[in-house]
Each structure stands twice: as C-alpha cells, then as structure tokens.
Amino acid sequence: MPPYGVILFHTTSAALRSEKVLKGRGLAVKLIPTPREFSSDCGMALRFEWAEVERINTLLAEARVETGSVHPLEP
C-alpha cells in the first residue's frame, strides 16, 4: 500500500475548500503542486495518507466538494 495519495481538482477553489473541510476533521492533508505524472485542470492537488482514502472520499462527498480523480502517490 502506498503511503500517500493525491486528489486532483477542476478548480483552485475546490482544492482550497477540500483542504479546509479535511483539516477541520483533523486529517493530515497538504496542498501540493499537481505531480507531473497526473494531469488536471487545476495546478493544485491534495496529498493525504492513503490509509484514509475511503474516509476522505466520504467527507468530501458529504461536503459536496467537486473533485477530479484520486491516485496513489508512489514513492
């Protein structure tokens, strides 16, 4: 299992909102530049601990934050 994952976004505002929602729930997340191997409409991605992927997807869906794709981030 990879240690981290990234969520890609269509807009910068969605990236910022997701960070706020998840940090408000006590999750360790960080906005990073979108990794080169992935493409997105927005230049920002959200890095998170891969073990939390299901919880993060649920929380963002409940908060109605529009996300792009979710990828494991290989070392």
Protein backbone atom coordinates (compact mmCIF):
# COMPACT_ATOMS: atom_id res chain seq x y z
CA MET A 1 0.00 0.00 0.00
CA PRO A 2 1.44 3.41 -0.94
CA PRO A 3 1.98 5.86 1.92
CA TYR A 4 0.23 8.78 0.22
CA GLY A 5 -2.39 9.59 -2.35
CA VAL A 6 -3.39 12.71 -4.24
CA ILE A 7 -6.72 14.17 -5.23
CA LEU A 8 -6.88 16.25 -8.39
CA PHE A 9 -9.34 19.11 -8.83
CA HIS A 10 -11.02 21.02 -11.63
CA THR A 11 -10.77 24.35 -9.77
CA THR A 12 -8.49 26.00 -7.25
CA SER A 13 -11.48 26.88 -5.07
CA ALA A 14 -12.41 23.18 -4.80
CA ALA A 15 -8.83 22.36 -3.76
CA LEU A 16 -8.85 25.05 -1.08
CA ARG A 17 -12.29 24.02 0.17
CA SER A 18 -11.28 20.36 0.42
CA GLU A 19 -8.24 21.28 2.49
CA LYS A 20 -10.42 23.29 4.87
CA VAL A 21 -13.02 20.52 5.20
CA LEU A 22 -10.49 17.77 5.84
CA LYS A 23 -8.24 19.73 8.20
CA GLY A 24 -11.38 20.66 10.11
CA ARG A 25 -11.91 16.93 10.65
CA GLY A 26 -8.37 16.53 11.97
CA LEU A 27 -6.89 14.84 8.89
CA ALA A 28 -3.28 15.43 7.89
CA VAL A 29 -3.57 16.82 4.36
CA LYS A 30 -1.41 19.20 2.34
CA LEU A 31 -1.93 21.16 -0.87
CA ILE A 32 0.87 20.47 -3.34
CA PRO A 33 1.54 21.24 -7.00
CA THR A 34 -0.08 18.61 -9.20
CA PRO A 35 2.53 15.87 -9.80
CA ARG A 36 3.83 15.73 -13.38
CA GLU A 37 2.58 12.22 -13.98
CA PHE A 38 -1.01 13.38 -13.49
CA SER A 39 -2.98 15.95 -15.43
CA SER A 40 -5.66 18.23 -14.05
CA ASP A 41 -7.48 21.44 -14.81
CA CYS A 42 -6.10 22.97 -11.64
CA GLY A 43 -2.40 23.16 -10.79
CA MET A 44 -3.04 22.08 -7.20
CA ALA A 45 -3.51 18.64 -5.71
CA LEU A 46 -4.24 17.50 -2.18
CA ARG A 47 -1.85 14.99 -0.63
CA PHE A 48 -3.21 12.68 2.05
CA GLU A 49 -2.39 9.44 3.84
CA TRP A 50 -3.58 6.63 1.55
CA ALA A 51 -4.96 4.65 4.52
CA GLU A 52 -7.61 7.42 4.84
CA VAL A 53 -8.79 7.31 1.19
CA GLU A 54 -12.29 5.98 1.91
CA ARG A 55 -12.90 8.39 4.78
CA ILE A 56 -11.66 11.33 2.70
CA ASN A 57 -13.88 10.43 -0.25
CA THR A 58 -16.88 10.19 2.06
CA LEU A 59 -16.17 13.51 3.81
CA LEU A 60 -15.68 15.39 0.54
CA ALA A 61 -18.86 13.90 -0.93
CA GLU A 62 -20.82 14.90 2.19
CA ALA A 63 -19.40 18.43 1.94
CA ARG A 64 -20.28 18.48 -1.79
CA VAL A 65 -16.74 19.32 -2.84
CA GLU A 66 -16.25 18.56 -6.53
CA THR A 67 -13.12 16.51 -7.06
CA GLY A 68 -11.39 15.11 -10.08
CA SER A 69 -9.55 11.83 -9.80
CA VAL A 70 -7.85 10.14 -6.86
CA HIS A 71 -4.48 8.43 -7.32
CA PRO A 72 -1.98 6.60 -5.14
CA LEU A 73 1.29 8.50 -4.96
CA GLU A 74 4.13 6.05 -5.44
CA PRO A 75 7.47 6.86 -3.81
